[in-house]
Amino acid sequence: MELVEEFAEAADLHFEAVEALDEEQANRQAVRLARLFKDIVLQGEEGREALLVLIDSKNLAVAGMAAVYSLRYSPARCEALLKQLASQPGLLGFRAGAALQRWADGDWPLE
């Protein structure tokens, strides 16, 4: 599914921009991710399942972003990956831990 491939690209570019402290690019990719996610879920179950495939990506930034956006649809699977990522050092681990905390607190904006 082309939308999912674009989502993976945007997730990778977003992570790279955040790592490089490129706020403009990070924001641009965040907006792109949100738009792509909306388009993906409009595809129904097929779209959500296609996005879940990215959780198995070797690119941990892509896998993590897919898990974040898929938490409502597959909480157990996504939480497991995010917990694994949260144990990683650096920004990736920090962001996964923050996502898990927001999820646990019921402060989850993504639908």
N, C-alpha and C. Protein backbone atom coordinates (compact mmCIF):
# COMPACT_ATOMS: atom_id res chain seq x y z
N MET A 1 0.85 -1.18 0.00
CA MET A 1 0.00 0.00 0.00
C MET A 1 0.90 1.24 0.00
N GLU A 2 0.73 2.07 -0.99
CA GLU A 2 1.58 3.23 -1.17
C GLU A 2 1.54 4.19 0.02
N LEU A 3 0.37 4.37 0.63
CA LEU A 3 0.26 5.27 1.78
C LEU A 3 1.14 4.82 2.93
N VAL A 4 1.23 3.53 3.13
CA VAL A 4 2.04 2.98 4.22
C VAL A 4 3.52 3.19 3.92
N GLU A 5 3.91 3.04 2.67
CA GLU A 5 5.30 3.30 2.28
C GLU A 5 5.64 4.77 2.52
N GLU A 6 4.72 5.66 2.19
CA GLU A 6 4.93 7.09 2.45
C GLU A 6 5.01 7.37 3.95
N PHE A 7 4.18 6.67 4.73
CA PHE A 7 4.21 6.82 6.18
C PHE A 7 5.59 6.43 6.71
N ALA A 8 6.12 5.32 6.22
CA ALA A 8 7.45 4.86 6.65
C ALA A 8 8.51 5.90 6.31
N GLU A 9 8.44 6.45 5.11
CA GLU A 9 9.41 7.47 4.70
C GLU A 9 9.29 8.70 5.60
N ALA A 10 8.07 9.14 5.86
CA ALA A 10 7.85 10.32 6.70
C ALA A 10 8.33 10.07 8.13
N ALA A 11 8.11 8.87 8.65
CA ALA A 11 8.56 8.53 10.00
C ALA A 11 10.08 8.60 10.09
N ASP A 12 10.74 8.07 9.09
CA ASP A 12 12.21 8.09 9.07
C ASP A 12 12.73 9.52 8.96
N LEU A 13 12.14 10.31 8.07
CA LEU A 13 12.55 11.70 7.90
C LEU A 13 12.27 12.52 9.16
N HIS A 14 11.17 12.23 9.82
CA HIS A 14 10.82 12.93 11.06
C HIS A 14 11.87 12.65 12.13
N PHE A 15 12.22 11.38 12.29
CA PHE A 15 13.22 11.02 13.29
C PHE A 15 14.56 11.68 13.00
N GLU A 16 14.97 11.64 11.75
CA GLU A 16 16.24 12.26 11.37
C GLU A 16 16.21 13.77 11.66
N ALA A 17 15.10 14.41 11.37
CA ALA A 17 14.98 15.86 11.61
C ALA A 17 15.03 16.17 13.10
N VAL A 18 14.36 15.37 13.91
CA VAL A 18 14.38 15.59 15.35
C VAL A 18 15.79 15.40 15.89
N GLU A 19 16.45 14.36 15.43
CA GLU A 19 17.83 14.11 15.84
C GLU A 19 18.76 15.27 15.46
N ALA A 20 18.50 15.87 14.30
CA ALA A 20 19.33 16.97 13.81
C ALA A 20 18.87 18.33 14.35
N LEU A 21 17.85 18.32 15.19
CA LEU A 21 17.27 19.55 15.75
C LEU A 21 16.76 20.49 14.65
N ASP A 22 16.26 19.90 13.57
CA ASP A 22 15.69 20.66 12.46
C ASP A 22 14.18 20.75 12.69
N GLU A 23 13.78 21.75 13.44
CA GLU A 23 12.39 21.89 13.86
C GLU A 23 11.43 22.04 12.67
N GLU A 24 11.85 22.79 11.68
CA GLU A 24 10.98 23.02 10.51
C GLU A 24 10.68 21.70 9.78
N GLN A 25 11.74 20.93 9.53
CA GLN A 25 11.55 19.64 8.85
C GLN A 25 10.77 18.67 9.74
N ALA A 26 11.06 18.64 11.03
CA ALA A 26 10.35 17.75 11.94
C ALA A 26 8.86 18.08 11.94
N ASN A 27 8.52 19.35 11.99
CA ASN A 27 7.12 19.75 11.97
C ASN A 27 6.45 19.40 10.64
N ARG A 28 7.16 19.61 9.56
CA ARG A 28 6.62 19.28 8.23
C ARG A 28 6.31 17.78 8.14
N GLN A 29 7.22 16.96 8.65
CA GLN A 29 7.00 15.51 8.60
C GLN A 29 5.92 15.07 9.58
N ALA A 30 5.80 15.75 10.72
CA ALA A 30 4.73 15.42 11.67
C ALA A 30 3.36 15.68 11.05
N VAL A 31 3.23 16.78 10.35
CA VAL A 31 1.98 17.09 9.66
C VAL A 31 1.71 16.04 8.57
N ARG A 32 2.75 15.67 7.87
CA ARG A 32 2.62 14.65 6.82
C ARG A 32 2.18 13.31 7.42
N LEU A 33 2.79 12.93 8.55
CA LEU A 33 2.41 11.68 9.22
C LEU A 33 0.94 11.68 9.62
N ALA A 34 0.48 12.78 10.18
CA ALA A 34 -0.92 12.87 10.61
C ALA A 34 -1.86 12.74 9.41
N ARG A 35 -1.52 13.40 8.31
CA ARG A 35 -2.35 13.33 7.10
C ARG A 35 -2.36 11.90 6.54
N LEU A 36 -1.19 11.30 6.46
CA LEU A 36 -1.10 9.94 5.94
C LEU A 36 -1.88 8.96 6.83
N PHE A 37 -1.78 9.14 8.14
CA PHE A 37 -2.50 8.26 9.05
C PHE A 37 -4.00 8.36 8.80
N LYS A 38 -4.50 9.57 8.66
CA LYS A 38 -5.94 9.74 8.39
C LYS A 38 -6.34 9.03 7.10
N ASP A 39 -5.51 9.17 6.08
CA ASP A 39 -5.80 8.51 4.81
C ASP A 39 -5.73 6.99 4.94
N ILE A 40 -4.79 6.51 5.73
CA ILE A 40 -4.65 5.06 5.93
C ILE A 40 -5.86 4.50 6.65
N VAL A 41 -6.31 5.14 7.72
CA VAL A 41 -7.45 4.59 8.46
C VAL A 41 -8.75 4.71 7.67
N LEU A 42 -8.80 5.62 6.71
CA LEU A 42 -9.98 5.69 5.84
C LEU A 42 -10.10 4.43 4.98
N GLN A 43 -9.01 3.68 4.87
CA GLN A 43 -9.03 2.42 4.13
C GLN A 43 -9.62 1.28 4.98
N GLY A 44 -10.01 1.59 6.21
CA GLY A 44 -10.62 0.60 7.09
C GLY A 44 -9.62 -0.39 7.65
N GLU A 45 -10.10 -1.57 7.91
CA GLU A 45 -9.29 -2.63 8.50
C GLU A 45 -8.05 -2.94 7.67
N GLU A 46 -8.20 -2.91 6.35
CA GLU A 46 -7.07 -3.17 5.45
C GLU A 46 -5.96 -2.14 5.68
N GLY A 47 -6.31 -0.89 5.82
CA GLY A 47 -5.33 0.15 6.04
C GLY A 47 -4.64 0.01 7.39
N ARG A 48 -5.44 -0.24 8.43
CA ARG A 48 -4.87 -0.40 9.77
C ARG A 48 -3.93 -1.59 9.83
N GLU A 49 -4.31 -2.69 9.19
CA GLU A 49 -3.45 -3.88 9.18
C GLU A 49 -2.15 -3.61 8.40
N ALA A 50 -2.26 -2.86 7.32
CA ALA A 50 -1.06 -2.53 6.53
C ALA A 50 -0.10 -1.68 7.36
N LEU A 51 -0.64 -0.75 8.14
CA LEU A 51 0.21 0.08 8.99
C LEU A 51 0.87 -0.76 10.07
N LEU A 52 0.15 -1.72 10.62
CA LEU A 52 0.72 -2.59 11.66
C LEU A 52 1.92 -3.39 11.16
N VAL A 53 1.98 -3.66 9.87
CA VAL A 53 3.12 -4.39 9.31
C VAL A 53 4.42 -3.64 9.58
N LEU A 54 4.34 -2.31 9.61
CA LEU A 54 5.54 -1.50 9.84
C LEU A 54 6.13 -1.69 11.24
N ILE A 55 5.36 -2.22 12.16
CA ILE A 55 5.87 -2.46 13.51
C ILE A 55 7.04 -3.44 13.48
N ASP A 56 7.09 -4.25 12.46
CA ASP A 56 8.17 -5.23 12.32
C ASP A 56 9.35 -4.69 11.50
N SER A 57 9.33 -3.40 11.18
CA SER A 57 10.40 -2.81 10.39
C SER A 57 11.73 -2.90 11.13
N LYS A 58 12.78 -3.11 10.37
CA LYS A 58 14.13 -3.10 10.95
C LYS A 58 14.54 -1.69 11.33
N ASN A 59 13.91 -0.70 10.72
CA ASN A 59 14.14 0.70 11.06
C ASN A 59 13.31 1.00 12.31
N LEU A 60 13.97 1.10 13.44
CA LEU A 60 13.25 1.25 14.71
C LEU A 60 12.47 2.55 14.81
N ALA A 61 12.90 3.59 14.12
CA ALA A 61 12.14 4.84 14.10
C ALA A 61 10.81 4.64 13.39
N VAL A 62 10.82 3.89 12.32
CA VAL A 62 9.60 3.59 11.57
C VAL A 62 8.70 2.67 12.40
N ALA A 63 9.29 1.63 12.97
CA ALA A 63 8.51 0.69 13.79
C ALA A 63 7.85 1.41 14.96
N GLY A 64 8.62 2.27 15.62
CA GLY A 64 8.08 3.01 16.76
C GLY A 64 6.96 3.95 16.38
N MET A 65 7.10 4.65 15.27
CA MET A 65 6.05 5.57 14.84
C MET A 65 4.79 4.81 14.46
N ALA A 66 4.95 3.68 13.79
CA ALA A 66 3.79 2.86 13.45
C ALA A 66 3.10 2.37 14.72
N ALA A 67 3.87 2.00 15.72
CA ALA A 67 3.29 1.55 16.99
C ALA A 67 2.54 2.68 17.68
N VAL A 68 3.12 3.86 17.68
CA VAL A 68 2.46 5.01 18.30
C VAL A 68 1.11 5.27 17.64
N TYR A 69 1.09 5.29 16.32
CA TYR A 69 -0.14 5.59 15.61
C TYR A 69 -1.14 4.43 15.65
N SER A 70 -0.69 3.22 15.96
CA SER A 70 -1.57 2.06 15.96
C SER A 70 -2.00 1.61 17.35
N LEU A 71 -1.61 2.33 18.38
CA LEU A 71 -1.91 1.91 19.75
C LEU A 71 -3.39 1.62 19.99
N ARG A 72 -4.28 2.45 19.48
CA ARG A 72 -5.72 2.22 19.68
C ARG A 72 -6.21 0.96 19.00
N TYR A 73 -5.57 0.56 17.92
CA TYR A 73 -6.05 -0.57 17.12
C TYR A 73 -5.46 -1.90 17.54
N SER A 74 -4.27 -1.86 18.11
CA SER A 74 -3.61 -3.09 18.54
C SER A 74 -2.76 -2.79 19.78
N PRO A 75 -3.43 -2.48 20.90
CA PRO A 75 -2.68 -2.01 22.08
C PRO A 75 -1.62 -2.99 22.59
N ALA A 76 -1.94 -4.25 22.69
CA ALA A 76 -0.97 -5.20 23.28
C ALA A 76 0.29 -5.27 22.42
N ARG A 77 0.12 -5.40 21.13
CA ARG A 77 1.27 -5.52 20.22
C ARG A 77 2.10 -4.23 20.20
N CYS A 78 1.42 -3.10 20.18
CA CYS A 78 2.13 -1.82 20.11
C CYS A 78 2.82 -1.50 21.44
N GLU A 79 2.15 -1.78 22.54
CA GLU A 79 2.78 -1.54 23.84
C GLU A 79 4.03 -2.39 24.00
N ALA A 80 3.98 -3.63 23.55
CA ALA A 80 5.15 -4.51 23.65
C ALA A 80 6.35 -3.91 22.91
N LEU A 81 6.11 -3.43 21.70
CA LEU A 81 7.21 -2.83 20.95
C LEU A 81 7.69 -1.55 21.62
N LEU A 82 6.77 -0.70 22.05
CA LEU A 82 7.16 0.56 22.67
C LEU A 82 7.93 0.33 23.97
N LYS A 83 7.57 -0.70 24.73
CA LYS A 83 8.33 -1.03 25.94
C LYS A 83 9.74 -1.47 25.59
N GLN A 84 9.86 -2.23 24.53
CA GLN A 84 11.19 -2.65 24.07
C GLN A 84 12.01 -1.43 23.65
N LEU A 85 11.40 -0.54 22.90
CA LEU A 85 12.11 0.66 22.45
C LEU A 85 12.44 1.59 23.61
N ALA A 86 11.56 1.66 24.61
CA ALA A 86 11.78 2.55 25.76
C ALA A 86 13.04 2.17 26.53
N SER A 87 13.48 0.93 26.39
CA SER A 87 14.70 0.50 27.08
C SER A 87 15.96 0.93 26.31
N GLN A 88 15.79 1.45 25.12
CA GLN A 88 16.92 1.90 24.30
C GLN A 88 17.42 3.26 24.81
N PRO A 89 18.70 3.50 24.68
CA PRO A 89 19.20 4.83 25.06
C PRO A 89 18.84 5.86 23.99
N GLY A 90 18.91 7.09 24.34
CA GLY A 90 18.74 8.17 23.38
C GLY A 90 17.30 8.58 23.16
N LEU A 91 17.13 9.35 22.11
CA LEU A 91 15.84 9.95 21.81
C LEU A 91 14.76 8.92 21.50
N LEU A 92 15.12 7.89 20.79
CA LEU A 92 14.14 6.86 20.44
C LEU A 92 13.54 6.24 21.70
N GLY A 93 14.39 5.88 22.64
CA GLY A 93 13.91 5.31 23.90
C GLY A 93 13.09 6.29 24.71
N PHE A 94 13.54 7.52 24.77
CA PHE A 94 12.82 8.56 25.51
C PHE A 94 11.42 8.76 24.93
N ARG A 95 11.34 8.87 23.61
CA ARG A 95 10.04 9.12 22.98
C ARG A 95 9.10 7.93 23.14
N ALA A 96 9.62 6.73 23.07
CA ALA A 96 8.77 5.55 23.28
C ALA A 96 8.25 5.53 24.71
N GLY A 97 9.10 5.85 25.67
CA GLY A 97 8.66 5.91 27.06
C GLY A 97 7.62 6.99 27.29
N ALA A 98 7.80 8.13 26.65
CA ALA A 98 6.82 9.22 26.78
C ALA A 98 5.48 8.82 26.18
N ALA A 99 5.51 8.13 25.05
CA ALA A 99 4.27 7.66 24.44
C ALA A 99 3.55 6.68 25.36
N LEU A 100 4.30 5.76 25.94
CA LEU A 100 3.69 4.79 26.87
C LEU A 100 3.08 5.50 28.07
N GLN A 101 3.75 6.51 28.57
CA GLN A 101 3.23 7.24 29.73
C GLN A 101 1.93 7.96 29.38
N ARG A 102 1.89 8.61 28.24
CA ARG A 102 0.66 9.29 27.81
C ARG A 102 -0.47 8.29 27.62
N TRP A 103 -0.17 7.15 27.05
CA TRP A 103 -1.16 6.11 26.85
C TRP A 103 -1.70 5.62 28.21
N ALA A 104 -0.79 5.36 29.14
CA ALA A 104 -1.18 4.89 30.47
C ALA A 104 -2.01 5.94 31.22
N ASP A 105 -1.68 7.20 30.99
CA ASP A 105 -2.41 8.30 31.67
C ASP A 105 -3.76 8.60 31.02
N GLY A 106 -4.05 7.96 29.90
CA GLY A 106 -5.31 8.22 29.20
C GLY A 106 -5.29 9.53 28.43
N ASP A 107 -4.13 10.07 28.21
CA ASP A 107 -3.96 11.33 27.50
C ASP A 107 -3.47 11.05 26.09
N TRP A 108 -4.29 10.34 25.31
CA TRP A 108 -3.86 9.89 23.99
C TRP A 108 -4.63 10.62 22.91
N PRO A 109 -3.95 11.48 22.15
CA PRO A 109 -4.63 12.30 21.15
C PRO A 109 -4.88 11.61 19.80
N LEU A 110 -4.17 10.53 19.53
CA LEU A 110 -4.25 9.93 18.20
C LEU A 110 -5.41 8.97 18.10
N GLU A 111 -6.17 9.12 17.04
CA GLU A 111 -7.32 8.22 16.81
C GLU A 111 -7.25 7.59 15.46
